Protein backbone atom coordinates (compact mmCIF):
# COMPACT_ATOMS: atom_id res chain seq x y z
CA MET A 1 102.63 57.73 91.76
CA GLU A 2 101.28 60.21 89.98
CA ILE A 3 98.41 62.38 90.64
CA PRO A 4 95.88 61.93 88.42
CA GLU A 5 95.18 65.15 86.01
CA GLY A 6 93.51 68.18 87.49
CA SER A 7 93.11 71.45 88.91
CA PHE A 8 94.63 72.23 91.79
CA ASP A 9 93.08 75.75 92.52
CA ASN A 10 91.06 76.06 95.77
CA ASN A 11 88.06 74.14 94.60
CA GLY A 12 89.18 71.07 92.43
CA ALA A 13 92.43 70.45 94.56
CA GLN A 14 90.28 67.96 97.11
CA THR A 15 88.75 66.45 94.21
CA ALA A 16 92.00 66.11 92.94
CA LEU A 17 93.44 64.06 95.75
CA ASP A 18 90.36 62.08 96.30
CA SER A 19 90.72 59.88 93.70
CA VAL A 20 94.75 59.33 94.75
CA GLU A 21 95.56 55.49 95.94
CA MET A 22 95.92 56.28 99.26
CA THR A 23 99.67 54.58 99.05
CA PRO A 24 102.58 56.31 101.42
CA CYS A 25 103.35 58.30 97.84
CA GLY A 26 99.80 59.33 97.88
CA GLN A 27 99.41 60.12 101.24
CA LEU A 28 102.81 62.47 101.36
CA HIS A 29 101.08 64.14 98.12
CA SER A 30 97.87 64.09 100.13
CA LEU A 31 99.62 65.62 103.41
CA ALA A 32 102.38 68.40 101.56
CA HIS A 33 99.09 69.74 99.21
CA GLN A 34 96.63 70.28 102.71
CA ILE A 35 99.67 72.52 104.30
CA PHE A 36 100.69 74.64 101.53
CA LEU A 37 97.23 75.78 99.74
CA GLU A 38 95.40 75.76 103.15
CA SER A 39 98.28 77.27 105.64
CA LEU A 40 101.55 78.82 103.61
CA ARG A 41 99.92 81.93 101.76
CA ASN A 42 104.22 83.22 101.86
CA PHE A 43 104.71 82.47 98.08
CA LYS A 44 108.73 82.84 98.55
CA LEU A 45 108.04 80.08 101.82
CA ILE A 46 105.89 78.02 99.17
CA LYS A 47 109.08 77.91 96.88
CA VAL A 48 111.75 77.45 99.17
CA CYS A 49 109.88 74.61 100.50
CA ARG A 50 109.74 72.39 96.89
CA LEU A 51 113.57 71.84 97.93
CA VAL A 52 112.21 69.24 100.81
CA CYS A 53 112.22 66.34 98.12
CA ARG A 54 110.86 65.77 95.02
CA SER A 55 107.27 64.80 96.45
CA TRP A 56 107.33 68.22 97.79
CA ASN A 57 108.30 69.77 94.60
CA THR A 58 105.78 67.95 92.42
CA THR A 59 102.81 69.37 94.68
CA VAL A 60 103.90 72.63 94.96
CA SER A 61 104.55 73.70 91.88
CA LYS A 62 101.09 72.86 90.66
CA VAL A 63 100.26 74.96 93.44
CA MET A 64 102.04 77.66 92.38
CA GLN A 65 101.47 77.32 88.37
CA GLY A 66 97.70 77.93 89.36
CA ARG A 67 97.98 80.67 91.00
CA ALA A 68 100.03 82.46 88.95
CA SER A 69 99.64 84.65 86.28
CA VAL A 70 100.41 86.86 83.62
CA THR A 71 99.08 90.24 82.35
CA ILE A 72 98.98 90.72 78.25
CA ILE A 73 98.03 94.16 77.48
CA GLU A 74 97.14 94.33 73.82
CA ASP A 75 99.29 97.99 72.95
CA SER A 76 102.24 96.96 74.01
CA VAL A 77 103.28 95.55 71.14
CA ASN A 78 107.19 95.17 71.84
CA ARG A 79 106.24 93.80 74.62
CA LEU A 80 104.34 90.91 73.04
CA LYS A 81 106.98 90.10 70.65
CA ALA A 82 109.47 89.29 73.14
CA PHE A 83 106.44 87.24 75.47
CA LYS A 84 106.10 85.18 72.88
CA LYS A 85 109.99 84.71 71.45
CA LEU A 86 109.82 83.26 75.41
CA ILE A 87 107.23 80.78 74.43
CA LEU A 88 108.85 79.98 71.66
CA LYS A 89 112.10 79.38 73.07
CA ARG A 90 110.48 77.45 75.71
CA GLU A 91 108.95 74.90 72.98
CA GLU A 92 111.98 74.43 71.60
CA LEU A 93 113.88 73.61 74.53
CA ASN A 94 111.23 70.89 75.44
CA PRO A 95 107.63 70.56 74.10
CA LEU A 96 106.74 69.20 77.15
CA TRP A 97 107.15 71.81 79.51
CA PRO A 98 104.07 72.80 81.38
CA LEU A 99 103.19 76.52 81.08
CA PRO A 100 104.73 78.27 84.80
CA PHE A 101 100.90 79.79 85.09
CA LYS A 102 97.90 79.08 84.31
CA HIS A 103 95.81 81.88 84.26
CA ILE A 104 96.28 85.29 82.03
CA ASN A 105 95.24 88.89 82.02
CA ILE A 106 94.01 90.22 79.04
CA ILE A 107 93.69 94.41 78.68
CA ALA A 108 92.30 95.33 74.84
CA SER A 109 89.58 96.67 73.22
CA ASN A 110 90.12 96.34 69.76
CA PHE A 111 91.34 92.36 69.59
CA ALA A 112 93.34 93.17 66.16
CA ASP A 113 96.83 92.90 66.92
CA ASP A 114 98.05 89.56 64.95
CA CYS A 115 100.87 88.42 67.84
CA PHE A 116 98.39 89.24 70.60
CA ASN A 117 95.81 87.36 69.09
CA GLU A 118 98.39 84.41 67.89
CA LEU A 119 99.65 84.34 71.74
CA ILE A 120 96.02 84.02 72.93
CA ASN A 121 94.69 81.29 70.32
CA ASP A 122 97.74 79.20 69.93
CA TYR A 123 100.10 79.56 72.57
CA LEU A 124 98.04 80.38 75.65
CA SER A 125 95.26 78.33 75.28
CA ASP A 126 94.86 76.23 78.46
CA THR A 127 94.53 79.19 79.96
CA THR A 128 92.10 80.42 81.89
CA ILE A 129 91.46 84.24 81.21
CA THR A 130 90.46 87.79 82.99
CA LEU A 131 89.43 90.12 80.36
CA THR A 132 89.19 93.64 81.06
CA CYS A 133 87.85 95.63 77.89
CA SER A 134 87.78 99.68 78.06
CA LEU A 135 85.77 100.82 75.28
CA VAL A 136 85.54 105.12 74.90
CA SER A 137 83.92 105.79 71.80
CA LYS A 138 81.62 104.06 69.32
CA VAL A 139 82.52 100.92 68.01
CA ARG A 140 83.17 100.02 64.21
CA LYS A 141 81.72 97.67 62.78
CA ASN A 142 84.76 95.71 62.29
CA GLN A 143 85.95 96.46 65.09
CA PHE A 144 82.66 94.72 67.01
CA LYS A 145 83.28 91.69 65.05
CA ALA A 146 86.55 91.36 66.20
CA ILE A 147 85.32 91.46 70.09
CA TYR A 148 82.26 89.35 68.95
CA ASP A 149 84.87 86.72 67.78
CA PHE A 150 86.56 86.99 70.80
CA LEU A 151 84.38 86.13 73.07
CA VAL A 152 82.77 83.52 71.63
CA ALA A 153 85.96 82.16 71.04
CA HIS A 154 87.36 82.10 74.26
CA ALA A 155 83.28 81.94 76.32
CA SER A 156 84.35 79.15 78.49
CA ARG A 157 87.73 79.90 79.16
CA MET A 158 86.16 83.00 80.95
CA VAL A 159 86.69 82.98 84.22
CA GLU A 160 86.93 87.39 84.81
CA LEU A 161 85.19 89.91 83.27
CA ASN A 162 86.01 93.35 83.42
CA ILE A 163 83.94 96.29 80.74
CA GLU A 164 85.32 100.09 81.61
CA LYS A 165 83.06 103.22 80.44
CA ALA A 166 81.38 101.30 78.03
CA VAL A 167 79.64 103.77 75.81
CA CYS A 168 79.77 102.16 72.68
CA GLU A 169 76.68 100.76 70.82
CA TRP A 170 76.62 97.15 70.71
CA THR A 171 74.63 94.65 68.74
CA SER A 172 71.99 92.55 70.69
CA ASP A 173 74.17 89.34 69.04
CA LEU A 174 76.18 89.78 72.18
CA ALA A 175 73.56 88.56 74.65
CA GLN A 176 73.73 84.75 73.23
CA ILE A 177 77.23 84.31 74.57
CA ASN A 178 77.40 81.86 77.04
CA MET A 179 80.09 82.56 79.89
CA PRO A 180 79.91 78.94 82.14
CA GLY A 181 82.97 79.64 84.65
CA LEU A 182 82.62 82.96 84.95
CA LYS A 183 83.43 83.53 88.41
CA ARG A 184 83.47 87.55 88.67
CA VAL A 185 81.76 90.37 86.14
CA SER A 186 81.96 94.13 86.42
CA LEU A 187 81.11 96.67 84.71
CA GLU A 188 81.46 100.31 84.73
CA SER A 189 79.59 103.28 83.69
CA THR A 190 77.79 102.59 80.94
CA SER A 191 73.87 103.10 79.57
CA ASP A 192 73.83 101.60 76.87
CA GLU A 193 70.84 98.84 76.14
CA SER A 194 72.49 96.21 74.60
CA VAL A 195 75.87 95.77 76.75
CA LEU A 196 73.12 95.72 79.57
CA ARG A 197 70.99 93.09 78.38
CA PHE A 198 74.79 91.01 77.77
CA ILE A 199 75.93 91.97 81.06
CA GLN A 200 72.57 90.20 82.70
CA SER A 201 72.12 87.27 80.24
CA VAL A 202 76.24 86.77 81.18
CA ILE A 203 75.37 86.58 84.71
CA LEU A 204 72.07 84.98 84.78
CA THR A 205 73.57 82.10 82.16
CA SER A 206 76.98 81.24 84.42
CA LYS A 207 76.78 78.52 86.60
CA SER A 208 79.62 79.91 89.42
CA LEU A 209 79.35 83.48 89.43
CA GLU A 210 80.75 84.47 93.05
CA VAL A 211 80.98 88.27 92.74
CA ILE A 212 79.42 90.84 90.77
CA GLU A 213 80.36 94.53 90.43
CA LEU A 214 78.42 97.28 89.19
CA VAL A 215 78.98 100.75 89.08
CA GLY A 216 76.09 103.10 86.75
CA ASP A 217 72.52 104.55 87.36
CA GLU A 218 70.39 101.56 87.04
CA PRO A 219 69.66 100.10 90.36
CA VAL A 220 66.95 98.27 88.75
CA ILE A 221 69.74 95.53 87.31
CA PRO A 222 71.61 94.24 90.74
CA ILE A 223 67.75 94.32 92.35
CA ARG A 224 66.40 92.18 89.61
CA MET A 225 68.83 89.80 89.49
CA LEU A 226 68.70 88.90 93.22
CA ALA A 227 65.29 88.82 92.27
CA GLU A 228 65.48 86.08 90.01
CA ASN A 229 66.93 83.60 92.90
CA LYS A 230 69.61 82.37 90.87
CA LEU A 231 72.55 83.68 91.52
CA GLU A 232 73.29 80.51 94.60
CA THR A 233 77.13 80.65 94.28
CA LEU A 234 76.87 84.69 94.53
CA ARG A 235 79.18 85.92 97.62
CA ILE A 236 79.70 89.35 96.75
CA LEU A 237 78.24 92.47 95.66
CA ASN A 238 79.49 95.71 94.90
CA VAL A 239 76.82 98.31 93.47
CA SER A 240 77.02 102.11 93.11
CA SER A 241 74.27 103.36 91.75
CA ASP A 242 70.68 106.34 92.07
CA MET A 243 68.54 105.84 94.82
CA PRO A 244 66.34 102.56 94.02
CA THR A 245 62.43 103.65 93.80
CA ALA A 246 59.46 102.30 95.56
CA ASP A 247 58.80 100.21 92.52
CA GLU A 248 62.55 99.01 92.27
CA TRP A 249 62.75 97.67 95.86
CA SER A 250 58.84 96.28 95.26
CA ILE A 251 60.80 93.63 92.61
CA LEU A 252 62.84 92.64 95.15
CA GLY A 253 60.17 92.45 98.28
CA ARG A 254 59.03 89.68 95.79
CA ALA A 255 61.92 87.26 96.40
CA SER A 256 60.89 84.38 98.60
CA LYS A 257 65.00 84.08 98.80
CA LEU A 258 68.24 85.85 98.11
CA PRO A 259 71.44 84.25 97.65
CA PRO A 260 74.00 83.40 100.84
CA LEU A 261 75.94 86.92 100.81
CA LYS A 262 79.16 87.28 102.36
CA GLU A 263 80.05 90.98 101.29
CA LEU A 264 77.68 93.68 100.25
CA ARG A 265 78.60 97.02 98.90
CA TRP A 266 75.99 99.39 97.60
CA HIS A 267 76.46 103.43 97.73
CA ILE A 268 74.05 105.82 96.98
CA TRP A 269 75.36 108.76 94.67
CA GLU A 270 73.86 111.97 95.88
CA CYS A 271 72.61 110.70 99.36
CA ASP A 272 70.68 113.01 101.11
CA ILE A 273 68.40 112.44 104.74
CA ASN A 274 65.58 113.14 103.92
CA GLU A 275 61.96 111.15 103.00
CA ASN A 276 63.32 108.68 100.58
CA PHE A 277 66.55 108.23 103.00
CA GLU A 278 64.30 106.91 105.70
CA LYS A 279 61.92 105.19 103.04
CA SER A 280 65.70 103.21 101.70
CA ALA A 281 67.27 102.98 104.86
CA LYS A 282 63.63 100.61 105.76
CA HIS A 283 64.37 98.85 102.32
CA PHE A 284 67.79 98.23 102.79
CA ALA A 285 67.21 96.86 106.32
CA MET A 286 65.28 94.29 104.75
CA LEU A 287 67.67 93.04 101.87
CA ILE A 288 69.93 92.63 105.18
CA GLN A 289 67.76 90.92 106.83
CA ALA A 290 67.47 88.79 104.31
CA VAL A 291 71.40 87.54 104.52
CA SER A 292 71.51 87.99 107.99
CA GLU A 293 73.27 84.98 108.35
CA SER A 294 75.70 85.19 105.95
CA ILE A 295 76.92 88.61 105.70
CA GLU A 296 80.68 89.51 107.33
CA ILE A 297 81.23 92.98 105.12
CA LEU A 298 78.60 95.29 104.90
CA ASN A 299 79.73 98.84 103.30
CA LEU A 300 76.72 100.99 103.14
CA ASN A 301 75.83 104.91 103.15
CA VAL A 302 71.88 104.33 103.26
CA ILE A 303 71.38 102.41 107.05
CA ARG A 304 70.67 103.00 110.45
CA VAL A 305 72.33 100.85 112.89
CA GLY A 306 69.23 101.03 114.44
CA LEU A 307 67.61 99.35 111.60
CA LEU A 308 69.90 96.42 111.37
CA PRO A 309 69.55 92.96 112.55
CA VAL A 310 71.01 90.55 114.62
CA LEU A 311 73.96 90.38 112.17
CA PRO A 312 76.23 87.08 113.73
CA LYS A 313 79.07 86.77 111.23
CA LEU A 314 79.56 90.92 110.85
CA ARG A 315 83.16 90.77 110.61
CA GLU A 316 83.55 94.82 109.21
CA ILE A 317 80.81 97.57 109.00
CA THR A 318 81.23 100.65 106.96
CA LEU A 319 78.62 103.70 107.62
CA SER A 320 78.13 106.82 106.71
CA CYS A 321 75.44 109.29 106.99
CA CYS A 322 73.67 107.84 109.59
CA GLU A 323 73.44 109.17 113.36
CA CYS A 324 74.44 106.53 115.48
CA THR A 325 75.99 106.38 119.43
CA MET A 326 79.30 104.28 119.72
CA LYS A 327 76.83 101.90 122.42
CA GLU A 328 74.53 100.70 119.08
CA PHE A 329 77.48 98.70 118.15
CA CYS A 330 77.15 96.47 121.25
CA ARG A 331 78.02 92.57 120.90
CA SER A 332 75.07 91.26 121.20
CA LYS A 333 73.90 92.31 118.31
CA PHE A 334 76.75 92.14 116.04
CA PRO A 335 79.40 89.17 118.30
CA SER A 336 82.09 88.71 115.57
CA LEU A 337 82.68 92.13 114.90
CA GLU A 338 86.09 93.01 114.55
CA ARG A 339 86.32 96.65 112.36
CA ILE A 340 84.76 99.43 111.88
CA THR A 341 84.51 102.35 109.63
CA LEU A 342 82.74 105.74 109.81
CA LEU A 343 83.01 108.16 107.12
CA LYS A 344 81.19 111.60 108.23
CA TRP A 345 81.79 113.48 111.32
CA LEU A 346 77.99 113.64 113.73
CA SER A 347 77.02 115.66 115.72
CA SER A 348 75.84 113.44 118.38
CA TRP A 349 79.84 112.45 118.91
CA ARG A 350 80.05 115.28 120.71
CA ASP A 351 77.94 113.94 123.55
CA PRO A 352 79.26 112.00 126.43
CA GLU A 353 77.45 108.38 126.50
CA GLU A 354 77.77 106.41 129.79
CA ASP A 355 76.43 102.99 130.35
CA PHE A 356 78.51 100.96 127.91
CA ASP A 357 77.66 97.59 126.66
CA THR A 358 81.61 96.73 125.61
CA HIS A 359 82.53 95.32 122.87
CA PRO A 360 86.17 93.79 123.04
CA GLY A 361 86.11 91.62 119.54
CA VAL A 362 86.53 95.46 118.00
CA THR A 363 90.18 95.99 117.31
CA SER A 364 90.26 98.65 114.51
CA ILE A 365 88.84 101.72 114.02
CA THR A 366 88.66 104.30 111.32
CA VAL A 367 86.88 107.61 111.81
CA SER A 368 86.27 110.52 109.31
CA LEU A 369 85.98 113.66 111.00
CA MET A 370 85.61 116.30 108.57
CA ASN A 371 82.29 116.86 106.16
CA TYR A 372 79.85 119.80 104.60
CA ASP A 373 77.60 119.33 108.18
CA PHE A 374 80.30 119.99 110.78
CA CYS A 375 81.79 122.18 108.41
CA CYS A 376 78.94 124.40 109.29
CA TRP A 377 79.11 123.64 112.69
CA ALA A 378 82.26 123.98 113.72
CA MET A 379 84.71 126.46 111.82
CA ASP A 380 83.20 129.12 114.57
CA ASP A 381 84.00 126.67 117.27
CA VAL A 382 87.40 124.65 116.43
CA GLN A 383 88.45 125.53 119.74
CA ASN A 384 86.01 123.86 121.35
CA PHE A 385 85.84 120.69 119.57
CA ALA A 386 89.93 120.18 119.86
CA ASP A 387 89.71 121.18 123.62
CA GLU A 388 85.61 119.29 124.39
CA TYR A 389 84.50 117.35 121.82
CA LEU A 390 87.09 115.30 120.58
CA PRO A 391 88.65 114.30 123.72
CA GLN A 392 84.84 113.14 124.13
CA PHE A 393 84.50 111.28 121.22
CA LEU A 394 87.70 109.27 121.91
CA ARG A 395 86.40 109.07 125.52
CA ASN A 396 83.36 107.53 123.94
CA LEU A 397 85.03 104.90 121.69
CA ARG A 398 87.51 104.02 124.31
CA GLY A 399 84.09 103.37 126.66
CA GLN A 400 82.35 100.58 123.87
CA PHE A 401 85.77 99.74 122.28
CA PRO A 402 88.64 98.70 125.11
CA GLN A 403 90.97 96.56 122.90
CA ILE A 404 91.28 98.80 120.22
CA VAL A 405 94.91 98.65 118.75
CA GLU A 406 94.58 99.94 115.20
CA LEU A 407 92.68 103.45 114.38
CA SER A 408 92.91 105.45 111.90
CA ILE A 409 91.59 108.73 111.98
CA LEU A 410 91.39 111.58 108.68
CA ASP A 411 90.35 114.77 108.24
CA VAL A 412 91.73 116.40 111.68
CA PRO A 413 90.46 119.82 111.05
CA ARG A 414 93.44 122.58 112.02
CA TYR A 415 93.62 123.03 115.90
CA LYS A 416 96.43 124.20 118.56
CA SER A 417 95.37 121.21 121.09
CA ASN A 418 98.16 117.89 121.08
CA PHE A 419 96.18 115.83 119.34
CA PHE A 420 98.41 113.33 119.93
CA ARG A 421 97.95 113.51 123.34
CA ASP A 422 94.58 113.02 123.39
CA VAL A 423 95.06 109.85 121.42
CA HIS A 424 97.53 108.50 123.51
CA GLN A 425 95.69 109.46 126.61
CA PHE A 426 92.61 106.86 125.63
CA PHE A 427 94.54 104.01 123.48
CA PRO A 428 98.40 103.91 125.04
CA GLU A 429 98.12 100.10 123.57
CA LEU A 430 97.93 101.14 119.56
CA LYS A 431 99.92 99.32 117.37
CA ARG A 432 98.76 100.77 113.95
CA LEU A 433 97.96 104.31 113.96
CA GLU A 434 97.36 106.54 110.76
CA VAL A 435 96.14 110.31 110.77
CA ASN A 436 95.64 112.80 108.22
CA GLY A 437 94.46 116.23 108.97
CA SER A 438 96.33 119.75 109.45
CA THR A 439 97.02 118.95 112.56
CA ASP A 440 99.50 120.98 114.67
CA PHE A 441 103.72 119.94 115.28
CA PRO A 442 105.35 122.47 116.84
CA SER A 443 108.13 123.83 115.21
CA THR A 444 111.88 123.64 115.15
CA TYR A 445 113.63 125.18 118.04
CA ASP A 446 116.39 127.20 117.07
CA GLU A 447 119.44 125.34 117.81
CA GLU A 448 121.99 127.88 116.62
CA SER A 449 120.45 130.39 119.40
CA ASP A 450 123.07 132.36 121.83
CA GLU A 451 120.68 132.61 124.54
CA SER A 452 120.85 129.29 126.33
CA SER A 453 118.32 129.60 128.50
CA GLU A 454 115.98 130.62 125.79
CA LYS A 455 117.52 127.85 124.48
CA GLU A 456 117.04 125.24 126.71
CA LYS A 457 112.86 126.47 128.05
CA GLU A 458 111.82 126.26 124.51
CA LYS A 459 113.30 122.56 124.16
CA SER A 460 111.52 121.68 127.04
CA SER A 461 108.84 123.02 126.24
CA ASN A 462 108.62 120.60 122.92
CA THR A 463 109.63 117.18 125.42
CA GLU A 464 106.80 118.45 127.74
CA HIS A 465 104.13 118.33 124.22
CA PHE A 466 106.01 115.46 122.60
CA SER A 467 106.23 113.32 125.92
CA SER A 468 102.17 111.70 124.91
CA PHE A 469 103.67 110.71 121.30
CA LEU A 470 106.89 109.17 122.82
CA ASP A 471 104.91 107.48 125.15
CA PHE A 472 103.74 104.98 122.81
CA ARG A 473 105.75 101.97 123.15
CA ALA A 474 103.87 99.21 121.73
CA LEU A 475 103.56 101.09 117.95
CA GLU A 476 104.26 99.47 115.53
CA SER A 477 103.27 101.50 112.11
CA ILE A 478 102.15 104.83 111.37
CA SER A 479 100.99 106.61 108.67
CA LEU A 480 100.54 110.20 107.96
CA GLY A 481 98.95 111.54 105.12
CA ASP A 482 99.64 114.59 102.63
CA LYS A 483 97.82 117.39 105.18
CA VAL A 484 100.27 116.68 107.90
CA GLU A 485 103.49 118.23 107.95
CA LEU A 486 106.31 116.90 109.38
CA THR A 487 109.34 118.87 110.73
CA ASN A 488 113.31 117.55 111.22
CA HIS A 489 112.34 117.38 114.80
CA VAL A 490 109.28 115.18 114.61
CA ILE A 491 112.03 112.99 113.21
CA ARG A 492 114.61 113.51 115.64
CA ASN A 493 112.28 113.81 118.76
CA CYS A 494 109.37 111.86 118.32
CA LEU A 495 109.38 108.96 115.69
CA ALA A 496 113.38 108.02 116.37
CA MET A 497 111.65 106.98 120.67
CA ILE A 498 108.96 104.19 119.40
CA PRO A 499 111.25 101.47 120.45
CA LYS A 500 108.66 99.33 118.06
CA LEU A 501 108.12 101.05 115.11
CA LYS A 502 108.50 98.97 112.46
CA PHE A 503 106.14 100.95 109.70
CA MET A 504 106.39 104.32 108.40
CA GLU A 505 104.19 106.09 105.76
CA PHE A 506 104.40 110.06 105.03
CA TYR A 507 104.62 113.05 102.77
CA TRP A 508 107.73 114.29 102.03
CA ASN A 509 107.99 118.61 102.35
CA ASP A 510 110.48 121.07 101.81
CA CYS A 511 111.48 121.40 105.30
CA LEU A 512 112.33 117.69 105.91
CA SER A 513 116.23 116.76 105.28
CA ALA A 514 117.30 113.15 104.25
CA GLN A 515 120.11 113.28 106.45
CA GLU A 516 117.98 113.04 109.74
CA VAL A 517 116.35 110.20 108.17
CA TRP A 518 119.50 108.11 107.59
CA ASP A 519 120.15 109.72 111.17
CA PHE A 520 117.50 108.84 113.09
CA LEU A 521 115.26 105.97 111.57
CA VAL A 522 117.67 103.36 110.28
CA ASP A 523 115.96 100.89 112.66
CA VAL A 524 112.45 101.08 110.82
CA ASN A 525 112.30 98.29 108.87
CA HIS A 526 110.18 99.77 105.97
CA ILE A 527 109.27 103.21 105.42
CA VAL A 528 107.22 104.65 102.49
CA ILE A 529 107.72 107.81 101.24
CA LYS A 530 104.60 109.13 99.22
CA SER A 531 106.08 112.07 97.04
CA PRO A 532 109.51 112.08 96.43
CA PRO A 533 111.83 114.96 97.45
CA GLY A 534 112.43 117.63 95.17
CA SER A 535 115.82 118.28 96.08
CA ARG A 536 118.55 116.19 93.97
CA LYS A 537 120.90 115.53 96.58
CA ASP A 538 117.79 114.37 99.06
CA TYR A 539 116.36 112.09 96.85
CA THR A 540 119.92 110.96 96.24
CA LEU A 541 121.17 109.86 100.03
CA LEU A 542 117.27 108.29 100.15
CA LYS A 543 117.97 105.49 97.68
CA LYS A 544 120.70 104.38 99.09
CA LEU A 545 118.82 103.32 102.43
CA PRO A 546 118.00 99.76 101.99
CA ASN A 547 114.66 100.49 104.37
CA VAL A 548 113.33 103.28 102.50
CA TYR A 549 110.91 102.87 99.58
CA PHE A 550 109.07 105.38 97.07
CA ALA A 551 105.21 105.28 96.72
CA GLN A 552 104.15 104.97 92.99
């Protein structure tokens, strides 16, 4: 029995299946669809499962078709012609064959290329569209007409709209275009009023909008949209703007109800801790209070932890520019919290904390240790930071979050103390570690020295220095940033000794040898080198390793 025609995406799949008569064949389709769509996210595994039987192949093929997409770039003339030739060949073989994808990503600005327009209008008319339009100069009259015609012709197919760097002058006619199926809209850096009117019109007329991303000077736009109370389907709001004024906040205060946001990210430019900061922090607290029952991800640089209400579903939180202690991230206030990111070092973290209300649910912590305020008081006190302040901070982390298995510590200042010793002392069961900063590894001892006693002494010293790093028995992943100067000695006597290490990421430097990687890191499943070697010999040798990848 054939499944009725219908969308097989997350929203429409169940509707189509409910109309299938529950014959044995229909039951098999329903069961297979539920397994693939809800349980399996591994695309390769889904492809293999098509081989089970014909019914599974039918269901999985439609699932894959719904997930697949093709990117079409207007300026890539040769690729457009080759893609058109491929489409035509498919129609020659069997015009009834469906396209293997249901969605296309379009990157364009002129909409004037004949091959491009023919592909979109004639050969790919049954697909949905994500449009990314970058306009960095004034639009000519004929170019504006081409853009307008394209948006009018394909408004019903549009599911995502991204407008980048729109410094052009658009006419107000755009405000009359409605995109009822739009799910995501993104606007970056524009002050043109007609573009803003167009975006606002698109947002308020969409019936299924889920994601809004706005980068611009005017914070009143997202505030007004929230206050309009017409965005019932909105789940993600991502804003970067100036600090809202009191009058702008008052607009939101008059709103009777806000959409049930799951993710809120709001970055205020040039955010200084002053009287305006305190007032805006209270306004943001009121905004969060209005969505407290639904919010799962929160990213703000204008809030204090003490101002946040109880957030029962919050899983991830990112904060900066706010004084806080570890004890404030308590389980009674954030019972579902799993991940914390703190982007500014605070002087209060130097002080010991007691009477922890431990939160065993938090397993991932990311912390940046360097900022302007830290530099002011710490430049003359680096050794105290290394020997006292940083260990105390790690001790506070351990006391409040005893189950941490993922730790990222960024912008570590240079000092002579053993950074990895301190980390291992408090988190011996780490599975993932990311470090970036001017951390000092000891220099490689001279293996060619004729004085064996001095050699053994130096070797003993190096072994003691790295003993804590070698003891990461559960560590599976390590990422070293561009400021960490890796040495051959570290590769040979440290990284190679971590028994469960599966992933490694680092920046290459002239002191490293490809032969050391070949000899000692062969058991690491995945090695990502961020900056390729300058030496052709090293580069050629590393290319031969099946577990080495170069980041683009």
